[in-house]
Protein backbone atom coordinates (compact mmCIF):
# COMPACT_ATOMS: atom_id res chain seq x y z
CA MET A 1 7.88 15.20 22.18
CA VAL A 2 11.28 15.29 20.46
CA ALA A 3 11.82 18.91 21.59
CA ARG A 4 11.12 18.10 25.24
CA ASP A 5 13.30 14.98 25.12
CA SER A 6 16.13 16.94 23.49
CA ARG A 7 16.00 19.66 26.16
CA LEU A 8 16.02 17.10 28.98
CA ARG A 9 19.06 15.35 27.55
CA GLY A 10 21.01 18.44 26.40
CA PHE A 11 20.86 17.57 22.70
CA SER A 12 20.79 20.67 20.45
CA TRP A 13 18.42 21.17 17.50
CA ILE A 14 19.12 22.20 13.93
CA TYR A 15 17.31 25.09 12.18
CA ASP A 16 14.60 23.12 10.34
CA MET A 17 14.08 20.04 12.48
CA GLY A 18 10.85 18.98 10.76
CA MET A 19 12.33 18.67 7.28
CA PHE A 20 15.51 17.17 8.66
CA LEU A 21 13.66 14.40 10.52
CA TYR A 22 11.37 13.78 7.56
CA MET A 23 14.34 13.17 5.26
CA VAL A 24 16.75 11.24 7.48
CA TRP A 25 14.81 9.80 10.43
CA PRO A 26 15.74 6.16 9.66
CA PHE A 27 19.42 7.07 10.08
CA ILE A 28 19.19 9.70 12.82
CA MET A 29 16.82 7.97 15.25
CA PRO A 30 19.14 5.02 16.00
CA TYR A 31 22.05 7.45 16.52
CA TYR A 32 19.93 9.68 18.76
CA LEU A 33 18.65 6.78 20.84
CA ILE A 34 22.13 5.30 21.36
CA LYS A 35 23.69 8.72 22.10
CA THR A 36 21.06 9.77 24.64
CA ARG A 37 20.18 6.43 26.22
CA GLY A 38 23.12 4.12 25.59
CA ALA A 39 22.23 0.43 25.55
CA ARG A 40 18.70 1.24 26.78
CA GLY A 41 18.07 2.74 23.32
CA LEU A 42 18.40 -0.63 21.59
CA PRO A 43 14.79 -1.74 22.26
CA GLY A 44 13.61 1.48 20.61
CA ILE A 45 15.75 0.82 17.55
CA VAL A 46 14.49 -2.76 17.32
CA GLY A 47 10.93 -1.46 17.69
CA PHE A 48 11.36 1.04 14.84
CA ALA A 49 12.94 -1.61 12.60
CA GLY A 50 10.23 -4.14 13.49
CA ALA A 51 7.44 -1.68 12.73
CA TYR A 52 9.05 -0.78 9.40
CA ILE A 53 9.62 -4.38 8.34
CA GLY A 54 6.18 -5.40 9.64
CA GLY A 55 4.57 -2.68 7.53
CA LEU A 56 6.44 -3.88 4.46
CA VAL A 57 5.36 -7.48 5.03
CA VAL A 58 1.71 -6.58 5.66
CA GLY A 59 1.71 -4.34 2.58
CA ALA A 60 3.17 -7.09 0.43
CA ILE A 61 0.61 -9.61 1.70
CA VAL A 62 -2.31 -7.26 1.11
CA ALA A 63 -1.02 -6.35 -2.35
CA SER A 64 -0.60 -10.00 -3.32
CA LEU A 65 -4.13 -10.82 -2.15
CA PHE A 66 -6.00 -7.93 -3.73
CA VAL A 67 -3.99 -6.86 -6.78
CA PRO A 68 -4.11 -9.32 -9.67
CA GLY A 69 -0.81 -10.32 -11.22
CA ILE A 70 1.54 -9.32 -8.36
CA VAL A 71 2.60 -12.82 -7.38
């Protein structure tokens, strides 16, 4: 999906894209979305941030309910 999107938008790849995205995706994805889509990339950035923060909140709630001594 990223490869097809990059080709359509003329955005070149690095040698080891898998490792690169694994290590720095939280920093690169907002840049990529803004560079390729402009202001239309902002909902994607907000979606990524919301999913990340939502996962943290749900994880904290589940941990506090099921692991004794976390609260």
